[in-house]
N, C-alpha and C. Protein backbone atom coordinates (compact mmCIF):
# COMPACT_ATOMS: atom_id res chain seq x y z
N UNK A 1 73.57 7.39 -34.20
CA UNK A 1 75.02 8.72 -33.83
C UNK A 1 74.28 9.30 -32.89
N UNK A 2 73.39 10.29 -33.62
CA UNK A 2 72.78 11.18 -32.67
C UNK A 2 71.93 9.92 -31.78
N UNK A 3 71.77 9.82 -31.36
CA UNK A 3 70.76 9.42 -30.17
C UNK A 3 71.81 8.57 -29.07
N UNK A 4 72.74 7.80 -30.06
CA UNK A 4 74.45 7.29 -28.77
C UNK A 4 74.79 8.58 -27.60
N UNK A 5 74.74 9.92 -28.65
CA UNK A 5 75.16 10.56 -28.28
C UNK A 5 74.22 11.39 -27.03
N UNK A 6 72.87 11.46 -27.90
CA UNK A 6 72.03 11.86 -26.66
C UNK A 6 71.81 10.85 -25.12
N UNK A 7 71.72 9.48 -25.29
CA UNK A 7 71.93 8.58 -24.01
C UNK A 7 72.77 9.22 -23.64
N UNK A 8 74.04 8.84 -24.40
CA UNK A 8 75.27 9.94 -23.31
C UNK A 8 74.61 10.80 -22.25
N UNK A 9 74.63 11.88 -23.03
CA UNK A 9 74.39 13.66 -21.99
C UNK A 9 73.27 12.93 -20.84
N UNK A 10 72.29 12.03 -21.25
CA UNK A 10 71.64 11.77 -19.62
C UNK A 10 72.30 11.43 -19.29
N UNK A 11 72.93 9.72 -19.09
CA UNK A 11 73.68 9.39 -18.46
C UNK A 11 74.54 10.19 -17.80
N UNK A 12 75.24 10.74 -18.02
CA UNK A 12 75.76 11.95 -17.55
C UNK A 12 75.53 13.05 -17.03
N UNK A 13 74.59 13.46 -17.24
CA UNK A 13 74.06 14.31 -16.42
C UNK A 13 73.14 13.33 -15.07
N UNK A 14 72.61 12.48 -15.18
CA UNK A 14 71.99 11.84 -14.27
C UNK A 14 73.64 11.38 -12.99
N UNK A 15 74.28 10.84 -13.79
CA UNK A 15 75.53 10.51 -12.72
C UNK A 15 76.29 11.33 -12.68
N UNK A 16 76.25 13.00 -12.81
CA UNK A 16 76.22 14.07 -12.25
C UNK A 16 75.39 14.56 -11.17
N UNK A 17 74.04 14.69 -11.54
CA UNK A 17 73.33 14.12 -10.31
C UNK A 17 73.09 13.75 -9.39
N UNK A 18 73.27 11.90 -9.31
CA UNK A 18 74.07 10.91 -8.19
C UNK A 18 74.81 11.71 -7.44
N UNK A 19 76.21 12.03 -7.97
CA UNK A 19 77.38 12.54 -7.09
C UNK A 19 76.88 13.48 -6.79
N UNK A 20 76.24 14.67 -6.83
CA UNK A 20 76.10 15.87 -5.70
C UNK A 20 75.65 15.74 -4.70
N UNK A 21 76.78 16.29 -3.78
CA UNK A 21 76.20 15.97 -2.19
C UNK A 21 74.81 16.32 -1.94
N UNK A 22 74.44 18.07 -2.25
CA UNK A 22 73.80 18.92 -2.58
C UNK A 22 72.33 18.45 -2.82
N UNK A 23 72.78 17.97 -4.27
CA UNK A 23 71.33 16.64 -4.58
C UNK A 23 70.64 15.42 -3.66
N UNK A 24 71.65 15.04 -3.18
CA UNK A 24 71.21 14.00 -2.44
C UNK A 24 71.32 14.35 -1.15
N UNK A 25 70.83 15.47 -0.77
CA UNK A 25 70.80 16.18 0.93
C UNK A 25 69.35 16.86 0.46
N UNK A 26 69.30 16.63 -0.55
CA UNK A 26 67.68 17.29 -1.20
C UNK A 26 67.04 16.14 -1.29
N UNK A 27 66.92 15.70 -1.54
CA UNK A 27 66.84 13.92 -1.58
C UNK A 27 65.68 13.38 0.10
N UNK A 28 66.53 13.84 0.90
CA UNK A 28 66.86 12.98 2.14
C UNK A 28 65.84 14.06 2.61
N UNK A 29 66.39 15.43 2.46
CA UNK A 29 64.99 16.33 3.60
C UNK A 29 63.59 16.21 1.95
N UNK A 30 63.86 15.58 1.04
CA UNK A 30 62.45 15.30 0.75
C UNK A 30 61.91 14.09 1.08
N UNK A 31 62.45 13.53 1.03
CA UNK A 31 62.59 11.88 2.03
C UNK A 31 61.70 12.37 3.91
N UNK A 32 61.86 13.04 4.17
CA UNK A 32 61.48 14.23 5.42
C UNK A 32 60.17 14.78 5.56
N UNK A 33 60.11 15.44 4.19
CA UNK A 33 59.29 16.06 4.67
C UNK A 33 57.87 15.35 4.78
N UNK A 34 56.96 16.29 4.51
CA UNK A 34 55.49 15.69 5.42
C UNK A 34 55.07 16.13 3.55
N UNK A 35 53.97 15.37 3.47
CA UNK A 35 53.31 14.96 2.05
C UNK A 35 53.65 13.82 1.27
N UNK A 36 55.55 13.25 1.70
CA UNK A 36 56.35 12.61 0.43
C UNK A 36 56.39 11.50 1.31
N UNK A 37 56.54 10.05 0.28
CA UNK A 37 56.45 8.76 0.50
C UNK A 37 57.64 8.57 0.19
N UNK A 38 58.46 7.36 0.51
CA UNK A 38 59.60 6.66 -0.05
C UNK A 38 59.31 5.18 -1.12
N UNK A 39 59.05 5.26 -2.45
CA UNK A 39 58.90 4.06 -3.22
C UNK A 39 60.40 3.87 -3.21
N UNK A 40 60.37 2.44 -2.89
CA UNK A 40 61.57 1.40 -3.18
C UNK A 40 61.03 0.64 -3.89
N UNK A 41 62.40 0.23 -5.23
CA UNK A 41 62.40 -0.56 -5.83
C UNK A 41 62.93 -2.26 -5.09
N UNK A 42 62.72 -3.10 -4.93
CA UNK A 42 63.19 -4.45 -4.42
C UNK A 42 64.38 -4.31 -4.56
N UNK A 43 65.75 -4.96 -3.28
CA UNK A 43 66.58 -4.79 -3.09
C UNK A 43 67.30 -5.87 -4.13
N UNK A 44 68.44 -6.60 -4.45
CA UNK A 44 68.93 -7.19 -5.19
C UNK A 44 68.00 -8.74 -5.84
N UNK A 45 67.60 -9.02 -6.57
CA UNK A 45 67.27 -10.23 -6.57
C UNK A 45 68.01 -11.24 -8.71
N UNK A 46 68.64 -11.52 -8.48
CA UNK A 46 69.27 -11.90 -9.51
C UNK A 46 68.37 -12.68 -10.57
N UNK A 47 69.03 -11.79 -12.14
CA UNK A 47 67.10 -11.88 -12.83
C UNK A 47 66.56 -11.52 -13.46
N UNK A 48 65.52 -11.76 -13.75
CA UNK A 48 64.73 -10.96 -14.53
C UNK A 48 63.01 -11.67 -14.82
N UNK A 49 62.33 -10.85 -14.00
CA UNK A 49 61.18 -12.13 -14.73
C UNK A 49 60.56 -12.76 -13.19
N UNK A 50 59.82 -13.30 -13.64
CA UNK A 50 59.56 -14.79 -12.94
C UNK A 50 59.71 -16.48 -13.50
N UNK A 51 60.26 -16.92 -13.04
CA UNK A 51 60.01 -18.87 -13.65
C UNK A 51 58.67 -18.22 -14.29
N UNK A 52 59.01 -19.53 -14.80
CA UNK A 52 57.29 -20.15 -15.87
C UNK A 52 56.08 -20.51 -14.45
N UNK A 53 56.93 -21.32 -13.61
CA UNK A 53 56.04 -21.89 -12.70
C UNK A 53 56.00 -20.86 -11.66
N UNK A 54 56.00 -19.96 -11.72
CA UNK A 54 55.87 -19.05 -10.72
C UNK A 54 54.32 -19.22 -9.63
N UNK A 55 53.96 -18.62 -8.43
CA UNK A 55 52.69 -19.22 -7.82
C UNK A 55 53.17 -18.16 -6.77
N UNK A 56 52.50 -16.75 -6.49
CA UNK A 56 52.44 -16.04 -5.77
C UNK A 56 52.68 -16.27 -4.29
N UNK A 57 51.62 -17.80 -3.79
CA UNK A 57 52.24 -17.54 -1.90
C UNK A 57 53.12 -18.83 -2.35
N UNK A 58 54.27 -19.17 -3.09
CA UNK A 58 55.34 -20.40 -2.71
C UNK A 58 56.95 -19.79 -3.39
N UNK A 59 57.87 -19.48 -2.43
CA UNK A 59 59.08 -18.07 -2.92
C UNK A 59 59.52 -19.53 -3.70
N UNK A 60 59.48 -20.11 -3.63
CA UNK A 60 60.47 -21.72 -4.08
C UNK A 60 60.50 -21.37 -5.82
N UNK A 61 59.12 -20.60 -6.16
CA UNK A 61 58.65 -20.80 -7.44
C UNK A 61 58.95 -19.33 -7.79
N UNK A 62 60.10 -18.69 -7.82
CA UNK A 62 59.82 -17.22 -7.72
C UNK A 62 61.36 -16.87 -7.59
N UNK A 63 61.78 -15.51 -8.48
CA UNK A 63 62.89 -15.22 -8.51
C UNK A 63 63.53 -14.14 -6.90
N UNK A 64 63.76 -14.02 -6.19
CA UNK A 64 64.14 -14.10 -4.20
C UNK A 64 65.08 -13.19 -4.66
N UNK A 65 65.27 -12.61 -3.23
CA UNK A 65 66.56 -11.66 -3.11
C UNK A 65 68.03 -12.35 -2.88
N UNK A 66 68.79 -12.11 -3.15
CA UNK A 66 70.12 -13.10 -2.89
C UNK A 66 71.02 -12.62 -1.75
N UNK A 67 72.12 -13.02 -1.02
CA UNK A 67 72.21 -12.60 0.26
C UNK A 67 72.90 -11.16 0.18
N UNK A 68 73.06 -10.99 -0.73
CA UNK A 68 73.86 -9.32 -1.08
C UNK A 68 72.03 -8.29 -1.40
N UNK A 69 71.98 -8.97 -1.81
CA UNK A 69 69.90 -7.83 -1.64
C UNK A 69 69.66 -7.44 0.12
N UNK A 70 69.39 -9.08 0.70
CA UNK A 70 69.16 -9.29 1.52
C UNK A 70 70.31 -7.95 2.68
N UNK A 71 71.58 -7.85 2.33
CA UNK A 71 72.16 -7.41 3.00
C UNK A 71 72.14 -6.18 3.11
N UNK A 72 72.03 -5.72 1.45
CA UNK A 72 71.58 -4.11 0.58
C UNK A 72 70.30 -3.82 1.65
N UNK A 73 69.09 -4.43 1.88
CA UNK A 73 68.02 -4.10 2.49
C UNK A 73 68.24 -3.96 3.83
N UNK A 74 69.61 -4.11 4.34
CA UNK A 74 69.30 -3.71 5.66
C UNK A 74 69.99 -2.67 5.74
N UNK A 75 70.83 -2.58 5.20
CA UNK A 75 71.87 -0.96 4.89
C UNK A 75 71.50 -0.57 4.80
N UNK A 76 70.08 0.43 3.31
CA UNK A 76 68.74 1.49 2.99
C UNK A 76 67.95 1.46 4.45
N UNK A 77 67.49 0.33 5.13
CA UNK A 77 66.63 0.66 6.20
C UNK A 77 67.76 1.24 7.79
N UNK A 78 69.01 1.06 7.59
CA UNK A 78 69.33 2.07 8.60
C UNK A 78 69.76 3.04 7.78
N UNK A 79 70.11 3.53 7.12
CA UNK A 79 70.46 4.47 6.54
C UNK A 79 68.77 5.32 6.23
N UNK A 80 67.92 4.39 6.80
CA UNK A 80 66.81 5.77 6.84
C UNK A 80 66.20 6.12 8.12
N UNK A 81 66.67 5.17 8.97
CA UNK A 81 66.83 5.42 10.40
C UNK A 81 67.82 6.75 11.24
N UNK A 82 68.89 6.19 10.06
CA UNK A 82 70.29 7.52 10.25
C UNK A 82 69.90 8.74 10.04
N UNK A 83 68.90 8.82 8.82
CA UNK A 83 68.62 9.79 8.50
C UNK A 83 67.22 10.88 9.23
N UNK A 84 67.24 10.12 10.06
CA UNK A 84 65.28 9.72 10.76
C UNK A 84 64.52 10.36 9.46
N UNK A 85 64.58 9.38 8.57
CA UNK A 85 62.61 9.64 8.00
C UNK A 85 61.78 8.79 8.22
N UNK A 86 60.88 10.19 8.92
CA UNK A 86 59.53 9.03 10.11
C UNK A 86 58.99 8.11 8.66
N UNK A 87 58.95 6.81 9.31
CA UNK A 87 58.00 6.12 8.50
C UNK A 87 56.61 5.52 9.28
N UNK A 88 55.94 5.80 8.76
CA UNK A 88 54.18 5.34 9.69
C UNK A 88 54.02 3.94 9.07
N UNK A 89 53.89 3.94 7.70
CA UNK A 89 53.54 2.48 7.72
C UNK A 89 54.70 2.23 6.46
N UNK A 90 55.07 0.60 6.41
CA UNK A 90 55.53 0.32 5.67
C UNK A 90 54.77 -0.95 4.32
N UNK A 91 54.57 -0.59 3.07
CA UNK A 91 53.62 -1.45 2.01
C UNK A 91 54.21 -2.45 1.61
N UNK A 92 53.99 -3.36 1.03
CA UNK A 92 55.01 -4.55 0.27
C UNK A 92 53.99 -4.49 -0.92
N UNK A 93 54.32 -5.31 -2.30
CA UNK A 93 54.20 -5.82 -2.92
C UNK A 93 54.05 -7.81 -2.32
N UNK A 94 53.19 -8.24 -2.47
CA UNK A 94 53.94 -9.25 -2.05
C UNK A 94 53.99 -10.89 -2.48
N UNK A 95 54.88 -10.31 -3.69
CA UNK A 95 55.60 -10.73 -4.30
C UNK A 95 57.26 -11.32 -3.28
N UNK A 96 57.74 -12.50 -2.86
CA UNK A 96 58.91 -12.87 -1.90
C UNK A 96 59.82 -11.38 -1.70
N UNK A 97 60.89 -11.47 -2.89
CA UNK A 97 60.94 -10.28 -2.77
C UNK A 97 61.40 -8.96 -2.21
N UNK A 98 59.73 -8.21 -2.70
CA UNK A 98 59.93 -7.29 -2.22
C UNK A 98 59.30 -7.48 -0.46
N UNK A 99 58.93 -8.55 -0.36
CA UNK A 99 58.55 -8.49 1.09
C UNK A 99 59.44 -8.54 2.56
N UNK A 100 60.73 -9.73 1.22
CA UNK A 100 61.39 -9.86 2.50
C UNK A 100 62.25 -8.09 2.53
N UNK A 101 62.30 -7.31 1.27
CA UNK A 101 63.26 -6.58 1.16
C UNK A 101 62.33 -5.34 2.65
N UNK A 102 60.99 -5.70 2.69
CA UNK A 102 60.17 -4.59 3.35
C UNK A 102 60.43 -5.51 5.23
N UNK A 103 61.02 -6.48 4.98
CA UNK A 103 60.93 -6.81 6.47
C UNK A 103 62.30 -6.88 6.91
N UNK A 104 63.36 -6.81 5.69
CA UNK A 104 65.08 -6.77 6.40
C UNK A 104 65.16 -5.06 6.27
N UNK A 105 64.33 -4.19 6.15
CA UNK A 105 64.56 -2.92 6.19
C UNK A 105 64.41 -2.62 8.14
N UNK A 106 63.52 -3.26 8.32
CA UNK A 106 63.42 -3.46 9.86
C UNK A 106 62.69 -2.10 10.17
N UNK A 107 62.06 -1.69 9.46
CA UNK A 107 61.29 -0.43 9.65
C UNK A 107 59.85 -0.49 10.98
N UNK A 108 59.34 -1.85 10.66
CA UNK A 108 57.86 -1.93 11.32
C UNK A 108 57.47 -2.82 10.76
N UNK A 109 56.40 -3.77 10.87
CA UNK A 109 56.06 -4.90 10.18
C UNK A 109 55.18 -4.14 9.11
N UNK A 110 55.38 -4.78 8.06
CA UNK A 110 55.16 -4.70 6.70
C UNK A 110 53.53 -5.20 6.22
N UNK A 111 53.16 -4.65 5.46
CA UNK A 111 51.56 -4.72 5.18
C UNK A 111 51.57 -5.23 3.95
N UNK A 112 50.64 -6.25 3.02
CA UNK A 112 50.58 -6.48 2.09
C UNK A 112 49.90 -5.70 1.25
N UNK A 113 50.44 -5.26 0.10
CA UNK A 113 49.56 -4.10 -0.73
C UNK A 113 49.24 -4.51 -2.73
N UNK A 114 48.08 -5.29 -2.95
CA UNK A 114 48.22 -5.31 -3.91
C UNK A 114 48.80 -4.70 -4.93
N UNK A 115 48.36 -3.76 -5.12
CA UNK A 115 48.48 -2.37 -5.79
C UNK A 115 49.90 -2.22 -5.99
N UNK A 116 50.47 -2.94 -4.90
CA UNK A 116 52.41 -2.85 -5.58
C UNK A 116 52.67 -4.49 -5.81
N UNK A 117 51.69 -4.91 -6.09
CA UNK A 117 52.35 -5.50 -6.77
C UNK A 117 53.07 -6.45 -8.83
N UNK A 118 53.72 -6.95 -8.85
CA UNK A 118 54.14 -6.83 -10.36
C UNK A 118 52.79 -7.13 -11.27
N UNK A 119 53.34 -6.23 -12.37
CA UNK A 119 52.14 -6.43 -13.54
C UNK A 119 53.80 -6.98 -14.90
N UNK A 120 54.14 -6.87 -14.68
CA UNK A 120 55.62 -7.81 -15.36
C UNK A 120 55.37 -8.53 -16.84
N UNK A 121 54.67 -9.73 -15.94
CA UNK A 121 54.24 -10.82 -17.25
C UNK A 121 52.20 -10.35 -17.63
N UNK A 122 52.27 -9.29 -16.75
CA UNK A 122 50.26 -8.58 -17.11
C UNK A 122 50.42 -7.76 -17.29
N UNK A 123 50.99 -6.94 -18.31
CA UNK A 123 50.64 -6.07 -18.80
C UNK A 123 48.97 -4.43 -19.28
N UNK A 124 48.62 -5.85 -19.16
CA UNK A 124 46.85 -4.78 -19.76
C UNK A 124 46.76 -4.63 -18.26
N UNK A 125 47.45 -5.23 -17.18
CA UNK A 125 47.14 -4.40 -15.74
C UNK A 125 47.88 -3.21 -14.77
N UNK A 126 48.10 -2.74 -16.34
CA UNK A 126 49.31 -1.65 -15.67
C UNK A 126 48.45 -0.83 -15.52
N UNK A 127 47.03 0.06 -16.27
CA UNK A 127 46.82 0.50 -15.82
C UNK A 127 45.78 1.10 -14.63
N UNK A 128 45.33 0.03 -14.56
CA UNK A 128 44.27 -0.17 -12.99
C UNK A 128 45.03 -0.34 -11.83
N UNK A 129 46.28 -0.98 -11.72
CA UNK A 129 47.35 -0.94 -10.49
C UNK A 129 47.44 -0.11 -10.79
N UNK A 130 48.25 0.81 -11.29
CA UNK A 130 48.71 2.43 -10.97
C UNK A 130 47.82 3.02 -11.32
N UNK A 131 46.25 3.08 -11.02
CA UNK A 131 45.20 3.44 -10.65
C UNK A 131 44.88 3.54 -9.18
N UNK A 132 44.86 2.05 -8.72
CA UNK A 132 45.24 1.35 -7.29
C UNK A 132 46.36 2.22 -6.71
N UNK A 133 47.20 2.08 -7.12
CA UNK A 133 48.18 2.78 -6.37
C UNK A 133 48.31 4.53 -5.48
N UNK A 134 47.54 4.96 -6.87
CA UNK A 134 47.14 6.03 -6.48
C UNK A 134 46.14 6.52 -5.15
N UNK A 135 45.62 5.86 -5.73
CA UNK A 135 44.14 5.88 -4.63
C UNK A 135 44.34 5.54 -3.07
N UNK A 136 46.06 4.73 -2.85
CA UNK A 136 46.26 4.51 -1.63
C UNK A 136 46.90 5.25 -1.39
N UNK A 137 48.05 6.14 -2.31
CA UNK A 137 48.42 6.91 -1.42
C UNK A 137 47.67 8.56 -1.58
N UNK A 138 46.70 8.68 -1.38
CA UNK A 138 45.53 9.69 -1.75
C UNK A 138 45.47 9.22 0.27
N UNK A 139 44.75 7.52 0.12
CA UNK A 139 44.16 7.37 1.80
C UNK A 139 45.90 7.78 1.96
N UNK A 140 46.47 7.10 2.24
CA UNK A 140 47.64 7.91 3.25
C UNK A 140 47.87 9.10 3.88
N UNK A 141 48.24 9.97 2.69
CA UNK A 141 47.82 11.69 2.80
C UNK A 141 46.86 12.48 3.55
N UNK A 142 45.76 11.44 3.30
CA UNK A 142 45.13 11.71 4.42
C UNK A 142 45.02 12.31 5.76
N UNK A 143 45.06 10.34 5.46
CA UNK A 143 45.83 9.65 7.18
C UNK A 143 46.86 10.64 7.45
N UNK A 144 47.64 10.93 6.89
CA UNK A 144 48.59 11.90 7.21
C UNK A 144 49.75 10.33 7.95
N UNK A 145 50.03 9.72 7.28
CA UNK A 145 51.08 8.78 7.01
C UNK A 145 51.75 8.51 6.23
N UNK A 146 53.04 8.70 6.17
CA UNK A 146 53.89 8.42 5.15
C UNK A 146 54.81 7.38 4.99
N UNK A 147 54.98 6.69 3.98
CA UNK A 147 55.01 4.94 4.29
C UNK A 147 55.87 5.07 2.76
N UNK A 148 56.71 3.47 3.07
CA UNK A 148 57.82 3.06 2.62
C UNK A 148 57.01 1.93 1.70
N UNK A 149 57.35 2.73 0.40
CA UNK A 149 56.10 1.45 -0.70
C UNK A 149 57.62 0.67 -1.36
N UNK A 150 57.64 -0.97 -1.28
CA UNK A 150 58.46 -1.95 -1.56
C UNK A 150 57.49 -2.18 -3.24
N UNK A 151 57.98 -2.43 -4.14
CA UNK A 151 57.88 -2.41 -5.29
C UNK A 151 59.08 -3.40 -5.76
N UNK A 152 58.21 -3.24 -7.52
CA UNK A 152 59.17 -3.92 -9.05
C UNK A 152 59.30 -2.31 -9.23
N UNK A 153 60.61 -2.30 -10.39
CA UNK A 153 60.67 -1.48 -11.34
C UNK A 153 59.58 -1.28 -12.54
N UNK A 154 58.56 -2.36 -13.01
CA UNK A 154 57.81 -2.11 -14.00
C UNK A 154 56.63 -0.58 -12.78
N UNK A 155 56.36 -1.30 -12.04
CA UNK A 155 55.58 -0.37 -10.86
C UNK A 155 55.64 1.00 -10.61
N UNK A 156 57.12 0.76 -10.68
CA UNK A 156 57.37 2.42 -10.83
C UNK A 156 57.62 3.56 -11.05
N UNK A 157 58.24 2.62 -12.65
CA UNK A 157 58.41 3.22 -13.97
C UNK A 157 57.21 3.89 -14.89
N UNK A 158 55.71 2.98 -14.67
CA UNK A 158 54.72 3.42 -14.87
C UNK A 158 53.76 4.24 -14.38
N UNK A 159 54.61 4.45 -12.92
CA UNK A 159 53.77 5.67 -11.73
C UNK A 159 54.70 7.22 -11.99
N UNK A 160 55.93 6.74 -12.05
CA UNK A 160 57.08 8.38 -12.32
C UNK A 160 57.72 8.52 -13.09
N UNK A 161 57.81 7.17 -14.23
CA UNK A 161 58.80 7.41 -15.42
C UNK A 161 60.29 7.42 -15.24
N UNK A 162 60.13 6.80 -14.08
CA UNK A 162 62.03 6.73 -13.12
C UNK A 162 62.45 5.29 -13.85
N UNK A 163 63.57 5.05 -13.55
CA UNK A 163 64.00 3.04 -14.07
C UNK A 163 64.54 3.40 -13.07
N UNK A 164 64.17 2.54 -11.62
CA UNK A 164 64.79 2.51 -10.59
C UNK A 164 66.05 1.69 -10.62
N UNK A 165 66.89 1.23 -10.14
CA UNK A 165 68.28 0.50 -10.11
C UNK A 165 67.76 -0.52 -8.62
N UNK A 166 68.25 -1.51 -8.33
CA UNK A 166 67.74 -2.53 -7.60
C UNK A 166 67.62 -1.39 -5.91
N UNK A 167 67.12 -1.98 -5.11
CA UNK A 167 67.01 -0.93 -3.86
C UNK A 167 66.74 0.71 -3.59
N UNK A 168 67.30 1.01 -5.08
CA UNK A 168 67.03 2.36 -4.99
C UNK A 168 65.30 3.39 -5.07
N UNK A 169 65.63 4.29 -4.23
CA UNK A 169 64.70 5.12 -3.45
C UNK A 169 64.35 6.42 -4.50
N UNK A 170 62.24 6.28 -4.89
CA UNK A 170 61.76 7.77 -5.63
C UNK A 170 61.31 7.93 -4.56
N UNK A 171 61.80 9.57 -4.57
CA UNK A 171 61.01 9.95 -3.11
C UNK A 171 59.34 10.97 -4.15
N UNK A 172 58.35 10.44 -3.54
CA UNK A 172 57.23 10.75 -4.66
C UNK A 172 56.31 11.79 -3.87
N UNK A 173 55.19 12.62 -4.35
CA UNK A 173 53.93 13.32 -2.97
C UNK A 173 53.15 13.49 -4.55
N UNK A 174 51.94 12.81 -4.13
CA UNK A 174 50.54 12.89 -4.41
C UNK A 174 50.03 14.98 -4.99
N UNK A 175 49.87 15.31 -6.27
CA UNK A 175 49.34 16.23 -5.76
C UNK A 175 47.89 16.47 -6.09
N UNK A 176 47.63 17.50 -5.85
CA UNK A 176 45.80 16.89 -5.60
C UNK A 176 44.39 16.83 -7.07
N UNK A 177 45.37 16.86 -8.00
CA UNK A 177 44.48 16.37 -9.12
C UNK A 177 45.38 15.17 -9.09
N UNK A 178 45.83 14.39 -8.59
CA UNK A 178 46.44 13.28 -8.47
C UNK A 178 47.30 12.35 -9.48
N UNK A 179 48.15 13.86 -9.87
CA UNK A 179 49.52 13.75 -10.43
C UNK A 179 50.52 12.99 -9.78
N UNK A 180 51.29 12.53 -10.21
CA UNK A 180 52.97 12.33 -9.01
C UNK A 180 54.04 12.46 -9.32
N UNK A 181 54.50 13.53 -8.49
CA UNK A 181 55.76 14.07 -8.64
C UNK A 181 56.79 13.45 -7.82
N UNK A 182 57.98 13.38 -8.66
CA UNK A 182 58.94 13.05 -8.29
C UNK A 182 60.40 14.71 -7.45
N UNK A 183 59.94 13.77 -6.20
CA UNK A 183 60.38 14.79 -5.33
C UNK A 183 62.30 14.72 -4.85
N UNK A 184 62.66 13.65 -5.66
CA UNK A 184 63.82 12.98 -5.19
C UNK A 184 63.94 11.52 -5.72
N UNK A 185 65.56 11.48 -5.82
CA UNK A 185 65.69 10.03 -5.30
C UNK A 185 66.98 9.64 -4.96
N UNK A 186 67.06 8.24 -4.07
CA UNK A 186 68.33 8.31 -3.66
C UNK A 186 68.88 6.57 -3.89
N UNK A 187 70.21 6.85 -4.20
CA UNK A 187 70.93 6.07 -4.86
C UNK A 187 71.28 5.11 -3.16
N UNK A 188 70.99 4.09 -2.28
CA UNK A 188 72.13 4.43 -0.93
C UNK A 188 73.01 3.26 -1.52
N UNK A 189 73.33 2.88 -2.68
CA UNK A 189 74.21 2.43 -2.57
C UNK A 189 75.49 2.93 -3.39
């Protein structure tokens, strides 16, 4: 009973924060700020994980975006442009649903970034991939390039502790000690 009450309290705090216009404005401000990046879960792709016959180069073997997911990704891209978030690079997981999300954003040609690939089916890769992603963020920071990084729930949760919804944006920055800070969350729907 106590655990259920705690979970309800956390949910209400999150809902209140997500409906708070000032919090949303602060998140968009953080998204525009120098030194932050847009970490995004791919748009709506019904289901969980991938089929047993999954092959990275074959979208017909993967869980893919629905039409609703494609439309969601387009709206998110429009919103990022409307809010004048300066994007220097779009990096994406090599999974079709992430790549298609990155393309539908229409913010520039997406580049494949293996550090953003899902490790849902191979959890022992989590630590190495998360370290590789932090190294990539460091490279982007050193070059002064803000990136949109399209990836998967497991990757975002491992990096930030946030369990994002489909298409949710987590604004992040990398500290000098390599710690990732969540500077804002944006639910675009």
